[in-house]
PDB file of N, CA and C in Angstrom:
ATOM      1  N   MET A   1     125.345  95.823 100.179  1.00  0.00           N
ATOM      2  CA  MET A   1     124.246  95.785  99.224  1.00  0.00           C
ATOM      3  C   MET A   1     123.409  97.060  99.315  1.00  0.00           C
ATOM      4  N   LYS A   2     123.776  97.971 100.169  1.00  0.00           N
ATOM      5  CA  LYS A   2     123.000  99.203 100.337  1.00  0.00           C
ATOM      6  C   LYS A   2     123.168 100.137  99.147  1.00  0.00           C
ATOM      7  N   ASP A   3     122.146 100.958  98.930  1.00  0.00           N
ATOM      8  CA  ASP A   3     122.145 102.005  97.912  1.00  0.00           C
ATOM      9  C   ASP A   3     122.389 101.497  96.492  1.00  0.00           C
ATOM     10  N   GLN A   4     121.965 100.299  96.206  1.00  0.00           N
ATOM     11  CA  GLN A   4     122.079  99.807  94.842  1.00  0.00           C
ATOM     12  C   GLN A   4     120.874 100.296  94.050  1.00  0.00           C
ATOM     13  N   GLU A   5     121.129 100.848  92.899  1.00  0.00           N
ATOM     14  CA  GLU A   5     120.068 101.389  92.064  1.00  0.00           C
ATOM     15  C   GLU A   5     119.209 100.261  91.518  1.00  0.00           C
ATOM     16  N   GLY A   6     117.905 100.425  91.635  1.00  0.00           N
ATOM     17  CA  GLY A   6     116.977  99.499  91.018  1.00  0.00           C
ATOM     18  C   GLY A   6     116.995  98.096  91.566  1.00  0.00           C
ATOM     19  N   VAL A   7     117.351  97.924  92.826  1.00  0.00           N
ATOM     20  CA  VAL A   7     117.398  96.599  93.411  1.00  0.00           C
ATOM     21  C   VAL A   7     115.994  96.001  93.504  1.00  0.00           C
ATOM     22  N   PHE A   8     115.000  96.847  93.753  1.00  0.00           N
ATOM     23  CA  PHE A   8     113.618  96.405  93.884  1.00  0.00           C
ATOM     24  C   PHE A   8     112.758  97.104  92.840  1.00  0.00           C
ATOM     25  N   LEU A   9     111.746  96.389  92.356  1.00  0.00           N
ATOM     26  CA  LEU A   9     110.801  96.964  91.417  1.00  0.00           C
ATOM     27  C   LEU A   9     109.437  97.042  92.084  1.00  0.00           C
ATOM     28  N   ILE A  10     108.806  98.202  92.000  1.00  0.00           N
ATOM     29  CA  ILE A  10     107.469  98.430  92.536  1.00  0.00           C
ATOM     30  C   ILE A  10     106.546  98.629  91.341  1.00  0.00           C
ATOM     31  N   VAL A  11     105.492  97.817  91.266  1.00  0.00           N
ATOM     32  CA  VAL A  11     104.532  97.929  90.166  1.00  0.00           C
ATOM     33  C   VAL A  11     103.153  98.148  90.773  1.00  0.00           C
ATOM     34  N   ASP A  12     102.648  99.365  90.620  1.00  0.00           N
ATOM     35  CA  ASP A  12     101.324  99.708  91.151  1.00  0.00           C
ATOM     36  C   ASP A  12     100.800 100.909  90.383  1.00  0.00           C
ATOM     37  N   ASP A  13      99.523 100.897  90.061  1.00  0.00           N
ATOM     38  CA  ASP A  13      98.950 102.013  89.303  1.00  0.00           C
ATOM     39  C   ASP A  13      98.577 103.198  90.183  1.00  0.00           C
ATOM     40  N   GLU A  14      98.736 103.054  91.491  1.00  0.00           N
ATOM     41  CA  GLU A  14      98.470 104.156  92.418  1.00  0.00           C
ATOM     42  C   GLU A  14      99.802 104.794  92.813  1.00  0.00           C
ATOM     43  N   PRO A  15     100.068 106.024  92.345  1.00  0.00           N
ATOM     44  CA  PRO A  15     101.338 106.678  92.688  1.00  0.00           C
ATOM     45  C   PRO A  15     101.589 106.766  94.193  1.00  0.00           C
ATOM     46  N   ASP A  16     100.546 106.956  94.995  1.00  0.00           N
ATOM     47  CA  ASP A  16     100.727 107.027  96.451  1.00  0.00           C
ATOM     48  C   ASP A  16     101.234 105.699  97.014  1.00  0.00           C
ATOM     49  N   MET A  17     100.773 104.588  96.453  1.00  0.00           N
ATOM     50  CA  MET A  17     101.242 103.275  96.914  1.00  0.00           C
ATOM     51  C   MET A  17     102.704 103.085  96.516  1.00  0.00           C
ATOM     52  N   CYS A  18     103.053 103.510  95.309  1.00  0.00           N
ATOM     53  CA  CYS A  18     104.464 103.452  94.883  1.00  0.00           C
ATOM     54  C   CYS A  18     105.331 104.271  95.832  1.00  0.00           C
ATOM     55  N   TRP A  19     104.860 105.461  96.157  1.00  0.00           N
ATOM     56  CA  TRP A  19     105.619 106.332  97.053  1.00  0.00           C
ATOM     57  C   TRP A  19     105.802 105.672  98.419  1.00  0.00           C
ATOM     58  N   ALA A  20     104.734 105.059  98.960  1.00  0.00           N
ATOM     59  CA  ALA A  20     104.818 104.420 100.277  1.00  0.00           C
ATOM     60  C   ALA A  20     105.836 103.281 100.269  1.00  0.00           C
ATOM     61  N   LEU A  21     105.791 102.442  99.254  1.00  0.00           N
ATOM     62  CA  LEU A  21     106.751 101.339  99.164  1.00  0.00           C
ATOM     63  C   LEU A  21     108.171 101.859  98.958  1.00  0.00           C
ATOM     64  N   GLU A  22     108.315 102.863  98.093  1.00  0.00           N
ATOM     65  CA  GLU A  22     109.639 103.459  97.861  1.00  0.00           C
ATOM     66  C   GLU A  22     110.198 104.037  99.160  1.00  0.00           C
ATOM     67  N   TYR A  23     109.354 104.674  99.948  1.00  0.00           N
ATOM     68  CA  TYR A  23     109.773 105.265 101.219  1.00  0.00           C
ATOM     69  C   TYR A  23     110.305 104.179 102.168  1.00  0.00           C
ATOM     70  N   ILE A  24     109.572 103.072 102.280  1.00  0.00           N
ATOM     71  CA  ILE A  24     110.003 101.979 103.155  1.00  0.00           C
ATOM     72  C   ILE A  24     111.345 101.429 102.684  1.00  0.00           C
ATOM     73  N   LEU A  25     111.478 101.212 101.387  1.00  0.00           N
ATOM     74  CA  LEU A  25     112.732 100.697 100.840  1.00  0.00           C
ATOM     75  C   LEU A  25     113.882 101.667 101.077  1.00  0.00           C
ATOM     76  N   ARG A  26     113.645 102.949 100.819  1.00  0.00           N
ATOM     77  CA  ARG A  26     114.687 103.966 100.999  1.00  0.00           C
ATOM     78  C   ARG A  26     115.126 104.036 102.464  1.00  0.00           C
ATOM     79  N   LYS A  27     114.187 103.932 103.396  1.00  0.00           N
ATOM     80  CA  LYS A  27     114.535 103.957 104.836  1.00  0.00           C
ATOM     81  C   LYS A  27     115.407 102.758 105.214  1.00  0.00           C
ATOM     82  N   GLN A  28     115.306 101.667 104.451  1.00  0.00           N
ATOM     83  CA  GLN A  28     116.132 100.484 104.683  1.00  0.00           C
ATOM     84  C   GLN A  28     117.450 100.549 103.902  1.00  0.00           C
ATOM     85  N   GLY A  29     117.646 101.646 103.136  1.00  0.00           N
ATOM     86  CA  GLY A  29     118.889 101.843 102.407  1.00  0.00           C
ATOM     87  C   GLY A  29     118.889 101.316 100.989  1.00  0.00           C
ATOM     88  N   PHE A  30     117.703 101.035 100.449  1.00  0.00           N
ATOM     89  CA  PHE A  30     117.620 100.469  99.104  1.00  0.00           C
ATOM     90  C   PHE A  30     116.920 101.405  98.141  1.00  0.00           C
ATOM     91  N   ALA A  31     117.384 101.375  96.909  1.00  0.00           N
ATOM     92  CA  ALA A  31     116.747 102.129  95.836  1.00  0.00           C
ATOM     93  C   ALA A  31     115.738 101.226  95.139  1.00  0.00           C
ATOM     94  N   SER A  32     114.846 101.850  94.399  1.00  0.00           N
ATOM     95  CA  SER A  32     113.851 101.074  93.670  1.00  0.00           C
ATOM     96  C   SER A  32     113.517 101.760  92.353  1.00  0.00           C
ATOM     97  N   GLU A  33     112.935 100.996  91.477  1.00  0.00           N
ATOM     98  CA  GLU A  33     112.369 101.499  90.230  1.00  0.00           C
ATOM     99  C   GLU A  33     110.858 101.342  90.373  1.00  0.00           C
ATOM    100  N   MET A  34     110.114 102.184  89.664  1.00  0.00           N
ATOM    101  CA  MET A  34     108.657 102.108  89.737  1.00  0.00           C
ATOM    102  C   MET A  34     108.058 102.000  88.345  1.00  0.00           C
ATOM    103  N   ALA A  35     106.964 101.243  88.260  1.00  0.00           N
ATOM    104  CA  ALA A  35     106.188 101.135  87.031  1.00  0.00           C
ATOM    105  C   ALA A  35     104.719 101.271  87.410  1.00  0.00           C
ATOM    106  N   LEU A  36     103.980 102.042  86.613  1.00  0.00           N
ATOM    107  CA  LEU A  36     102.558 102.278  86.892  1.00  0.00           C
ATOM    108  C   LEU A  36     101.650 101.317  86.140  1.00  0.00           C
ATOM    109  N   ASN A  37     102.229 100.458  85.291  1.00  0.00           N
ATOM    110  CA  ASN A  37     101.413  99.477  84.579  1.00  0.00           C
ATOM    111  C   ASN A  37     102.298  98.299  84.158  1.00  0.00           C
ATOM    112  N   GLY A  38     101.650  97.288  83.601  1.00  0.00           N
ATOM    113  CA  GLY A  38     102.362  96.086  83.219  1.00  0.00           C
ATOM    114  C   GLY A  38     103.377  96.291  82.115  1.00  0.00           C
ATOM    115  N   GLY A  39     103.035  97.097  81.128  1.00  0.00           N
ATOM    116  CA  GLY A  39     103.960  97.360  80.029  1.00  0.00           C
ATOM    117  C   GLY A  39     105.249  97.982  80.503  1.00  0.00           C
ATOM    118  N   GLU A  40     105.145  98.982  81.380  1.00  0.00           N
ATOM    119  CA  GLU A  40     106.341  99.619  81.937  1.00  0.00           C
ATOM    120  C   GLU A  40     107.158  98.603  82.731  1.00  0.00           C
ATOM    121  N   ALA A  41     106.474  97.767  83.511  1.00  0.00           N
ATOM    122  CA  ALA A  41     107.165  96.774  84.334  1.00  0.00           C
ATOM    123  C   ALA A  41     107.947  95.795  83.466  1.00  0.00           C
ATOM    124  N   LEU A  42     107.319  95.305  82.389  1.00  0.00           N
ATOM    125  CA  LEU A  42     108.007  94.358  81.510  1.00  0.00           C
ATOM    126  C   LEU A  42     109.237  94.982  80.870  1.00  0.00           C
ATOM    127  N   ALA A  43     109.148  96.242  80.476  1.00  0.00           N
ATOM    128  CA  ALA A  43     110.293  96.934  79.890  1.00  0.00           C
ATOM    129  C   ALA A  43     111.434  97.051  80.901  1.00  0.00           C
ATOM    130  N   LEU A  44     111.100  97.358  82.147  1.00  0.00           N
ATOM    131  CA  LEU A  44     112.132  97.489  83.178  1.00  0.00           C
ATOM    132  C   LEU A  44     112.786  96.140  83.489  1.00  0.00           C
ATOM    133  N   VAL A  45     111.978  95.086  83.574  1.00  0.00           N
ATOM    134  CA  VAL A  45     112.522  93.757  83.864  1.00  0.00           C
ATOM    135  C   VAL A  45     113.435  93.290  82.727  1.00  0.00           C
ATOM    136  N   ALA A  46     113.091  93.645  81.504  1.00  0.00           N
ATOM    137  CA  ALA A  46     113.905  93.245  80.349  1.00  0.00           C
ATOM    138  C   ALA A  46     115.264  93.929  80.323  1.00  0.00           C
ATOM    139  N   SER A  47     115.364  95.100  80.955  1.00  0.00           N
ATOM    140  CA  SER A  47     116.610  95.863  80.863  1.00  0.00           C
ATOM    141  C   SER A  47     117.355  96.014  82.193  1.00  0.00           C
ATOM    142  N   ASN A  48     116.864  95.383  83.257  1.00  0.00           N
ATOM    143  CA  ASN A  48     117.481  95.505  84.585  1.00  0.00           C
ATOM    144  C   ASN A  48     117.429  94.173  85.317  1.00  0.00           C
ATOM    145  N   SER A  49     118.238  94.057  86.367  1.00  0.00           N
ATOM    146  CA  SER A  49     118.173  92.908  87.272  1.00  0.00           C
ATOM    147  C   SER A  49     117.610  93.390  88.601  1.00  0.00           C
ATOM    148  N   PHE A  50     116.560  92.737  89.057  1.00  0.00           N
ATOM    149  CA  PHE A  50     115.924  93.105  90.319  1.00  0.00           C
ATOM    150  C   PHE A  50     115.991  91.945  91.296  1.00  0.00           C
ATOM    151  N   ARG A  51     116.125  92.271  92.576  1.00  0.00           N
ATOM    152  CA  ARG A  51     116.090  91.245  93.621  1.00  0.00           C
ATOM    153  C   ARG A  51     114.672  90.763  93.854  1.00  0.00           C
ATOM    154  N   LEU A  52     113.724  91.699  93.752  1.00  0.00           N
ATOM    155  CA  LEU A  52     112.347  91.366  94.122  1.00  0.00           C
ATOM    156  C   LEU A  52     111.410  92.370  93.476  1.00  0.00           C
ATOM    157  N   VAL A  53     110.209  91.906  93.133  1.00  0.00           N
ATOM    158  CA  VAL A  53     109.168  92.771  92.584  1.00  0.00           C
ATOM    159  C   VAL A  53     107.999  92.796  93.558  1.00  0.00           C
ATOM    160  N   PHE A  54     107.574  93.994  93.945  1.00  0.00           N
ATOM    161  CA  PHE A  54     106.324  94.176  94.680  1.00  0.00           C
ATOM    162  C   PHE A  54     105.282  94.509  93.623  1.00  0.00           C
ATOM    163  N   LEU A  55     104.327  93.611  93.411  1.00  0.00           N
ATOM    164  CA  LEU A  55     103.416  93.684  92.285  1.00  0.00           C
ATOM    165  C   LEU A  55     101.960  93.804  92.732  1.00  0.00           C
ATOM    166  N   ASP A  56     101.297  94.857  92.290  1.00  0.00           N
ATOM    167  CA  ASP A  56      99.873  95.049  92.555  1.00  0.00           C
ATOM    168  C   ASP A  56      99.073  93.999  91.784  1.00  0.00           C
ATOM    169  N   ALA A  57      97.984  93.527  92.371  1.00  0.00           N
ATOM    170  CA  ALA A  57      97.162  92.493  91.743  1.00  0.00           C
ATOM    171  C   ALA A  57      96.302  93.018  90.607  1.00  0.00           C
ATOM    172  N   LYS A  58      95.977  94.307  90.640  1.00  0.00           N
ATOM    173  CA  LYS A  58      95.094  94.889  89.619  1.00  0.00           C
ATOM    174  C   LYS A  58      95.777  96.100  89.001  1.00  0.00           C
ATOM    175  N   LEU A  59      96.058  95.995  87.711  1.00  0.00           N
ATOM    176  CA  LEU A  59      96.697  97.083  86.974  1.00  0.00           C
ATOM    177  C   LEU A  59      95.797  97.473  85.805  1.00  0.00           C
ATOM    178  N   PRO A  60      95.974  98.669  85.263  1.00  0.00           N
ATOM    179  CA  PRO A  60      95.075  99.118  84.195  1.00  0.00           C
ATOM    180  C   PRO A  60      95.192  98.316  82.899  1.00  0.00           C
ATOM    181  N   ASP A  61      96.369  97.740  82.625  1.00  0.00           N
ATOM    182  CA  ASP A  61      96.550  97.043  81.353  1.00  0.00           C
ATOM    183  C   ASP A  61      96.600  95.526  81.458  1.00  0.00           C
ATOM    184  N   MET A  62      96.703  94.970  82.671  1.00  0.00           N
ATOM    185  CA  MET A  62      96.658  93.512  82.837  1.00  0.00           C
ATOM    186  C   MET A  62      96.539  93.151  84.313  1.00  0.00           C
ATOM    187  N   GLU A  63      96.126  91.931  84.563  1.00  0.00           N
ATOM    188  CA  GLU A  63      96.033  91.415  85.924  1.00  0.00           C
ATOM    189  C   GLU A  63      97.436  91.133  86.464  1.00  0.00           C
ATOM    190  N   GLY A  64      97.609  91.300  87.753  1.00  0.00           N
ATOM    191  CA  GLY A  64      98.908  91.086  88.375  1.00  0.00           C
ATOM    192  C   GLY A  64      99.463  89.685  88.196  1.00  0.00           C
ATOM    193  N   LEU A  65      98.614  88.663  88.323  1.00  0.00           N
ATOM    194  CA  LEU A  65      99.103  87.296  88.170  1.00  0.00           C
ATOM    195  C   LEU A  65      99.529  87.013  86.731  1.00  0.00           C
ATOM    196  N   GLU A  66      98.831  87.593  85.763  1.00  0.00           N
ATOM    197  CA  GLU A  66      99.254  87.456  84.360  1.00  0.00           C
ATOM    198  C   GLU A  66     100.597  88.155  84.154  1.00  0.00           C
ATOM    199  N   LEU A  67     100.745  89.341  84.731  1.00  0.00           N
ATOM    200  CA  LEU A  67     102.017  90.048  84.626  1.00  0.00           C
ATOM    201  C   LEU A  67     103.128  89.241  85.290  1.00  0.00           C
ATOM    202  N   ALA A  68     102.837  88.606  86.416  1.00  0.00           N
ATOM    203  CA  ALA A  68     103.842  87.768  87.083  1.00  0.00           C
ATOM    204  C   ALA A  68     104.320  86.671  86.139  1.00  0.00           C
ATOM    205  N   ARG A  69     103.400  86.033  85.415  1.00  0.00           N
ATOM    206  CA  ARG A  69     103.781  84.994  84.453  1.00  0.00           C
ATOM    207  C   ARG A  69     104.676  85.572  83.351  1.00  0.00           C
ATOM    208  N   ARG A  70     104.324  86.738  82.866  1.00  0.00           N
ATOM    209  CA  ARG A  70     105.101  87.357  81.784  1.00  0.00           C
ATOM    210  C   ARG A  70     106.478  87.815  82.276  1.00  0.00           C
ATOM    211  N   ILE A  71     106.537  88.309  83.514  1.00  0.00           N
ATOM    212  CA  ILE A  71     107.831  88.684  84.107  1.00  0.00           C
ATOM    213  C   ILE A  71     108.721  87.447  84.219  1.00  0.00           C
ATOM    214  N   ARG A  72     108.153  86.342  84.642  1.00  0.00           N
ATOM    215  CA  ARG A  72     108.915  85.092  84.787  1.00  0.00           C
ATOM    216  C   ARG A  72     109.458  84.598  83.449  1.00  0.00           C
ATOM    217  N   GLU A  73     108.743  84.879  82.347  1.00  0.00           N
ATOM    218  CA  GLU A  73     109.240  84.505  81.023  1.00  0.00           C
ATOM    219  C   GLU A  73     110.518  85.285  80.695  1.00  0.00           C
ATOM    220  N   VAL A  74     110.592  86.523  81.160  1.00  0.00           N
ATOM    221  CA  VAL A  74     111.770  87.362  80.922  1.00  0.00           C
ATOM    222  C   VAL A  74     112.889  87.003  81.897  1.00  0.00           C
ATOM    223  N   ASP A  75     112.543  86.793  83.162  1.00  0.00           N
ATOM    224  CA  ASP A  75     113.531  86.479  84.204  1.00  0.00           C
ATOM    225  C   ASP A  75     112.965  85.382  85.109  1.00  0.00           C
ATOM    226  N   PRO A  76     113.233  84.110  84.793  1.00  0.00           N
ATOM    227  CA  PRO A  76     112.655  82.998  85.559  1.00  0.00           C
ATOM    228  C   PRO A  76     113.050  82.967  87.034  1.00  0.00           C
ATOM    229  N   ALA A  77     114.151  83.604  87.395  1.00  0.00           N
ATOM    230  CA  ALA A  77     114.633  83.551  88.778  1.00  0.00           C
ATOM    231  C   ALA A  77     114.093  84.677  89.655  1.00  0.00           C
ATOM    232  N   ILE A  78     113.436  85.645  89.071  1.00  0.00           N
ATOM    233  CA  ILE A  78     112.993  86.811  89.846  1.00  0.00           C
ATOM    234  C   ILE A  78     111.946  86.401  90.882  1.00  0.00           C
ATOM    235  N   ARG A  79     112.010  87.040  92.033  1.00  0.00           N
ATOM    236  CA  ARG A  79     111.046  86.768  93.110  1.00  0.00           C
ATOM    237  C   ARG A  79     109.975  87.852  93.067  1.00  0.00           C
ATOM    238  N   ILE A  80     108.719  87.425  93.212  1.00  0.00           N
ATOM    239  CA  ILE A  80     107.583  88.340  93.099  1.00  0.00           C
ATOM    240  C   ILE A  80     106.699  88.211  94.326  1.00  0.00           C
ATOM    241  N   VAL A  81     106.376  89.361  94.924  1.00  0.00           N
ATOM    242  CA  VAL A  81     105.433  89.424  96.035  1.00  0.00           C
ATOM    243  C   VAL A  81     104.207  90.177  95.531  1.00  0.00           C
ATOM    244  N   LEU A  82     103.055  89.533  95.593  1.00  0.00           N
ATOM    245  CA  LEU A  82     101.814  90.173  95.178  1.00  0.00           C
ATOM    246  C   LEU A  82     101.287  91.008  96.341  1.00  0.00           C
ATOM    247  N   VAL A  83     100.937  92.253  96.043  1.00  0.00           N
ATOM    248  CA  VAL A  83     100.408  93.178  97.053  1.00  0.00           C
ATOM    249  C   VAL A  83      99.000  93.539  96.598  1.00  0.00           C
ATOM    250  N   SER A  84      98.004  93.258  97.445  1.00  0.00           N
ATOM    251  CA  SER A  84      96.637  93.409  96.952  1.00  0.00           C
ATOM    252  C   SER A  84      95.631  93.823  98.021  1.00  0.00           C
ATOM    253  N   GLY A  85      94.733  94.674  97.609  1.00  0.00           N
ATOM    254  CA  GLY A  85      93.549  94.986  98.395  1.00  0.00           C
ATOM    255  C   GLY A  85      92.343  94.278  97.819  1.00  0.00           C
ATOM    256  N   TYR A  86      92.556  93.537  96.747  1.00  0.00           N
ATOM    257  CA  TYR A  86      91.488  92.832  96.040  1.00  0.00           C
ATOM    258  C   TYR A  86      91.403  91.373  96.477  1.00  0.00           C
ATOM    259  N   PHE A  87      92.544  90.686  96.506  1.00  0.00           N
ATOM    260  CA  PHE A  87      92.603  89.281  96.911  1.00  0.00           C
ATOM    261  C   PHE A  87      92.882  89.168  98.401  1.00  0.00           C
ATOM    262  N   TYR A  88      92.647  87.985  98.925  1.00  0.00           N
ATOM    263  CA  TYR A  88      93.055  87.619 100.274  1.00  0.00           C
ATOM    264  C   TYR A  88      94.024  86.455 100.156  1.00  0.00           C
ATOM    265  N   LYS A  89      94.861  86.263 101.162  1.00  0.00           N
ATOM    266  CA  LYS A  89      95.877  85.221 101.088  1.00  0.00           C
ATOM    267  C   LYS A  89      95.270  83.832 100.893  1.00  0.00           C
ATOM    268  N   ASP A  90      94.066  83.599 101.406  1.00  0.00           N
ATOM    269  CA  ASP A  90      93.467  82.271 101.276  1.00  0.00           C
ATOM    270  C   ASP A  90      92.638  82.096  99.999  1.00  0.00           C
ATOM    271  N   ASP A  91      92.619  83.101  99.112  1.00  0.00           N
ATOM    272  CA  ASP A  91      91.940  82.946  97.822  1.00  0.00           C
ATOM    273  C   ASP A  91      92.609  81.818  97.032  1.00  0.00           C
ATOM    274  N   VAL A  92      91.802  81.062  96.301  1.00  0.00           N
ATOM    275  CA  VAL A  92      92.303  79.925  95.535  1.00  0.00           C
ATOM    276  C   VAL A  92      93.393  80.351  94.546  1.00  0.00           C
ATOM    277  N   ALA A  93      93.185  81.460  93.837  1.00  0.00           N
ATOM    278  CA  ALA A  93      94.176  81.917  92.854  1.00  0.00           C
ATOM    279  C   ALA A  93      95.513  82.236  93.513  1.00  0.00           C
ATOM    280  N   ILE A  94      95.468  82.829  94.696  1.00  0.00           N
ATOM    281  CA  ILE A  94      96.707  83.180  95.413  1.00  0.00           C
ATOM    282  C   ILE A  94      97.396  81.917  95.908  1.00  0.00           C
ATOM    283  N   GLN A  95      96.640  81.003  96.489  1.00  0.00           N
ATOM    284  CA  GLN A  95      97.231  79.753  96.976  1.00  0.00           C
ATOM    285  C   GLN A  95      97.874  78.966  95.844  1.00  0.00           C
ATOM    286  N   LYS A  96      97.209  78.931  94.689  1.00  0.00           N
ATOM    287  CA  LYS A  96      97.758  78.227  93.524  1.00  0.00           C
ATOM    288  C   LYS A  96      99.049  78.888  93.051  1.00  0.00           C
ATOM    289  N   ALA A  97      99.058  80.228  92.992  1.00  0.00           N
ATOM    290  CA  ALA A  97     100.258  80.961  92.567  1.00  0.00           C
ATOM    291  C   ALA A  97     101.423  80.719  93.530  1.00  0.00           C
ATOM    292  N   LEU A  98     101.130  80.647  94.825  1.00  0.00           N
ATOM    293  CA  LEU A  98     102.171  80.362  95.816  1.00  0.00           C
ATOM    294  C   LEU A  98     102.690  78.931  95.658  1.00  0.00           C
ATOM    295  N   GLU A  99     101.782  77.975  95.507  1.00  0.00           N
ATOM    296  CA  GLU A  99     102.172  76.568  95.363  1.00  0.00           C
ATOM    297  C   GLU A  99     103.004  76.341  94.108  1.00  0.00           C
ATOM    298  N   GLU A 100     102.644  77.015  93.016  1.00  0.00           N
ATOM    299  CA  GLU A 100     103.374  76.873  91.757  1.00  0.00           C
ATOM    300  C   GLU A 100     104.700  77.624  91.754  1.00  0.00           C
ATOM    301  N   GLY A 101     104.905  78.490  92.753  1.00  0.00           N
ATOM    302  CA  GLY A 101     106.121  79.288  92.799  1.00  0.00           C
ATOM    303  C   GLY A 101     106.075  80.503  91.890  1.00  0.00           C
ATOM    304  N   LEU A 102     104.886  80.815  91.369  1.00  0.00           N
ATOM    305  CA  LEU A 102     104.743  82.006  90.536  1.00  0.00           C
ATOM    306  C   LEU A 102     105.048  83.257  91.354  1.00  0.00           C
ATOM    307  N   ILE A 103     104.533  83.281  92.580  1.00  0.00           N
ATOM    308  CA  ILE A 103     104.845  84.352  93.528  1.00  0.00           C
ATOM    309  C   ILE A 103     105.474  83.713  94.762  1.00  0.00           C
ATOM    310  N   CYS A 104     106.308  84.478  95.458  1.00  0.00           N
ATOM    311  CA  CYS A 104     106.955  83.940  96.665  1.00  0.00           C
ATOM    312  C   CYS A 104     106.285  84.449  97.931  1.00  0.00           C
ATOM    313  N   GLY A 105     105.326  85.383  97.761  1.00  0.00           N
ATOM    314  CA  GLY A 105     104.652  85.911  98.931  1.00  0.00           C
ATOM    315  C   GLY A 105     103.456  86.747  98.549  1.00  0.00           C
ATOM    316  N   PHE A 106     102.674  87.059  99.574  1.00  0.00           N
ATOM    317  CA  PHE A 106     101.457  87.845  99.397  1.00  0.00           C
ATOM    318  C   PHE A 106     101.310  88.794 100.576  1.00  0.00           C
ATOM    319  N   ILE A 107     100.974  90.047 100.285  1.00  0.00           N
ATOM    320  CA  ILE A 107     100.748  91.062 101.324  1.00  0.00           C
ATOM    321  C   ILE A 107      99.414  91.740 101.047  1.00  0.00           C
ATOM    322  N   ASP A 108      98.572  91.799 102.085  1.00  0.00           N
ATOM    323  CA  ASP A 108      97.290  92.512 101.989  1.00  0.00           C
ATOM    324  C   ASP A 108      97.516  94.008 102.060  1.00  0.00           C
ATOM    325  N   LYS A 109      96.698  94.764 101.322  1.00  0.00           N
ATOM    326  CA  LYS A 109      96.632  96.219 101.492  1.00  0.00           C
ATOM    327  C   LYS A 109      95.454  96.495 102.412  1.00  0.00           C
ATOM    328  N   PRO A 110      95.564  97.404 103.328  1.00  0.00           N
ATOM    329  CA  PRO A 110      96.775  98.143 103.701  1.00  0.00           C
ATOM    330  C   PRO A 110      97.747  97.225 104.437  1.00  0.00           C
ATOM    331  N   PHE A 111      99.023  97.540 104.333  1.00  0.00           N
ATOM    332  CA  PHE A 111     100.049  96.698 104.930  1.00  0.00           C
ATOM    333  C   PHE A 111     100.807  97.468 106.001  1.00  0.00           C
ATOM    334  N   CYS A 112     101.506  96.713 106.827  1.00  0.00           N
ATOM    335  CA  CYS A 112     102.402  97.279 107.840  1.00  0.00           C
ATOM    336  C   CYS A 112     103.807  97.326 107.241  1.00  0.00           C
ATOM    337  N   HIS A 113     104.582  98.294 107.652  1.00  0.00           N
ATOM    338  CA  HIS A 113     105.963  98.408 107.172  1.00  0.00           C
ATOM    339  C   HIS A 113     106.729  97.119 107.420  1.00  0.00           C
ATOM    340  N   ASP A 114     106.479  96.462 108.552  1.00  0.00           N
ATOM    341  CA  ASP A 114     107.206  95.243 108.892  1.00  0.00           C
ATOM    342  C   ASP A 114     106.985  94.132 107.872  1.00  0.00           C
ATOM    343  N   GLU A 115     105.806  94.092 107.257  1.00  0.00           N
ATOM    344  CA  GLU A 115     105.544  93.066 106.241  1.00  0.00           C
ATOM    345  C   GLU A 115     106.452  93.266 105.031  1.00  0.00           C
ATOM    346  N   ILE A 116     106.632  94.503 104.623  1.00  0.00           N
ATOM    347  CA  ILE A 116     107.502  94.819 103.487  1.00  0.00           C
ATOM    348  C   ILE A 116     108.952  94.513 103.855  1.00  0.00           C
ATOM    349  N   ILE A 117     109.362  94.924 105.034  1.00  0.00           N
ATOM    350  CA  ILE A 117     110.740  94.714 105.490  1.00  0.00           C
ATOM    351  C   ILE A 117     111.070  93.222 105.554  1.00  0.00           C
ATOM    352  N   LYS A 118     110.108  92.401 105.948  1.00  0.00           N
ATOM    353  CA  LYS A 118     110.328  90.950 105.997  1.00  0.00           C
ATOM    354  C   LYS A 118     110.753  90.428 104.624  1.00  0.00           C
ATOM    355  N   TYR A 119     110.097  90.864 103.577  1.00  0.00           N
ATOM    356  CA  TYR A 119     110.448  90.400 102.223  1.00  0.00           C
ATOM    357  C   TYR A 119     111.742  91.004 101.721  1.00  0.00           C
ATOM    358  N   ILE A 120     112.044  92.234 102.136  1.00  0.00           N
ATOM    359  CA  ILE A 120     113.322  92.843 101.758  1.00  0.00           C
ATOM    360  C   ILE A 120     114.473  91.999 102.306  1.00  0.00           C
ATOM    361  N   LYS A 121     114.332  91.564 103.547  1.00  0.00           N
ATOM    362  CA  LYS A 121     115.407  90.825 104.218  1.00  0.00           C
ATOM    363  C   LYS A 121     115.632  89.442 103.625  1.00  0.00           C
ATOM    364  N   ILE A 122     114.593  88.824 103.053  1.00  0.00           N
ATOM    365  CA  ILE A 122     114.765  87.478 102.517  1.00  0.00           C
ATOM    366  C   ILE A 122     115.031  87.480 101.007  1.00  0.00           C
ATOM    367  N   ALA A 123     114.997  88.653 100.390  1.00  0.00           N
ATOM    368  CA  ALA A 123     115.266  88.745  98.942  1.00  0.00           C
ATOM    369  C   ALA A 123     116.716  88.365  98.682  1.00  0.00           C
ATOM    370  N   PRO A 124     116.958  87.568  97.650  1.00  0.00           N
ATOM    371  CA  PRO A 124     118.340  87.156  97.361  1.00  0.00           C
ATOM    372  C   PRO A 124     119.186  88.340  96.897  1.00  0.00           C
ATOM    373  N   SER A 125     120.448  88.243  97.139  1.00  0.00           N
ATOM    374  CA  SER A 125     121.389  89.270  96.674  1.00  0.00           C
ATOM    375  C   SER A 125     121.670  89.048  95.205  1.00  0.00           C
ATOM    376  N   LEU A 126     121.983  90.131  94.517  1.00  0.00           N
ATOM    377  CA  LEU A 126     122.359  90.023  93.098  1.00  0.00           C
ATOM    378  C   LEU A 126     123.853  89.798  92.977  1.00  0.00           C
TER     379      LEU A 126
END
């Protein structure tokens, strides 16, 4: 499963955060696609198959949880991990999204590489 193009999708409006996540994925042998906003992310999901989406909670054109709902409309099986410096894991909105299965995980910013690697390892194969 190594070196597959676009296996993971990174959605964050901060290019440095995209670069950091891409670096971690590349060190694990995986390629990724990046989107800087919700519109770009939806276009990529519509035209590609991804194992997992690392999704920022706050984007310039829509909220991360709203984007997660819209991504699920395009690909109901896709797994989404919300990455946020805005929310905390015990926030009501995050707990509800986890319980409903809208997202499969949550990572606080700043994060440790091991947190990202944990989700890479449990992402389903295509």
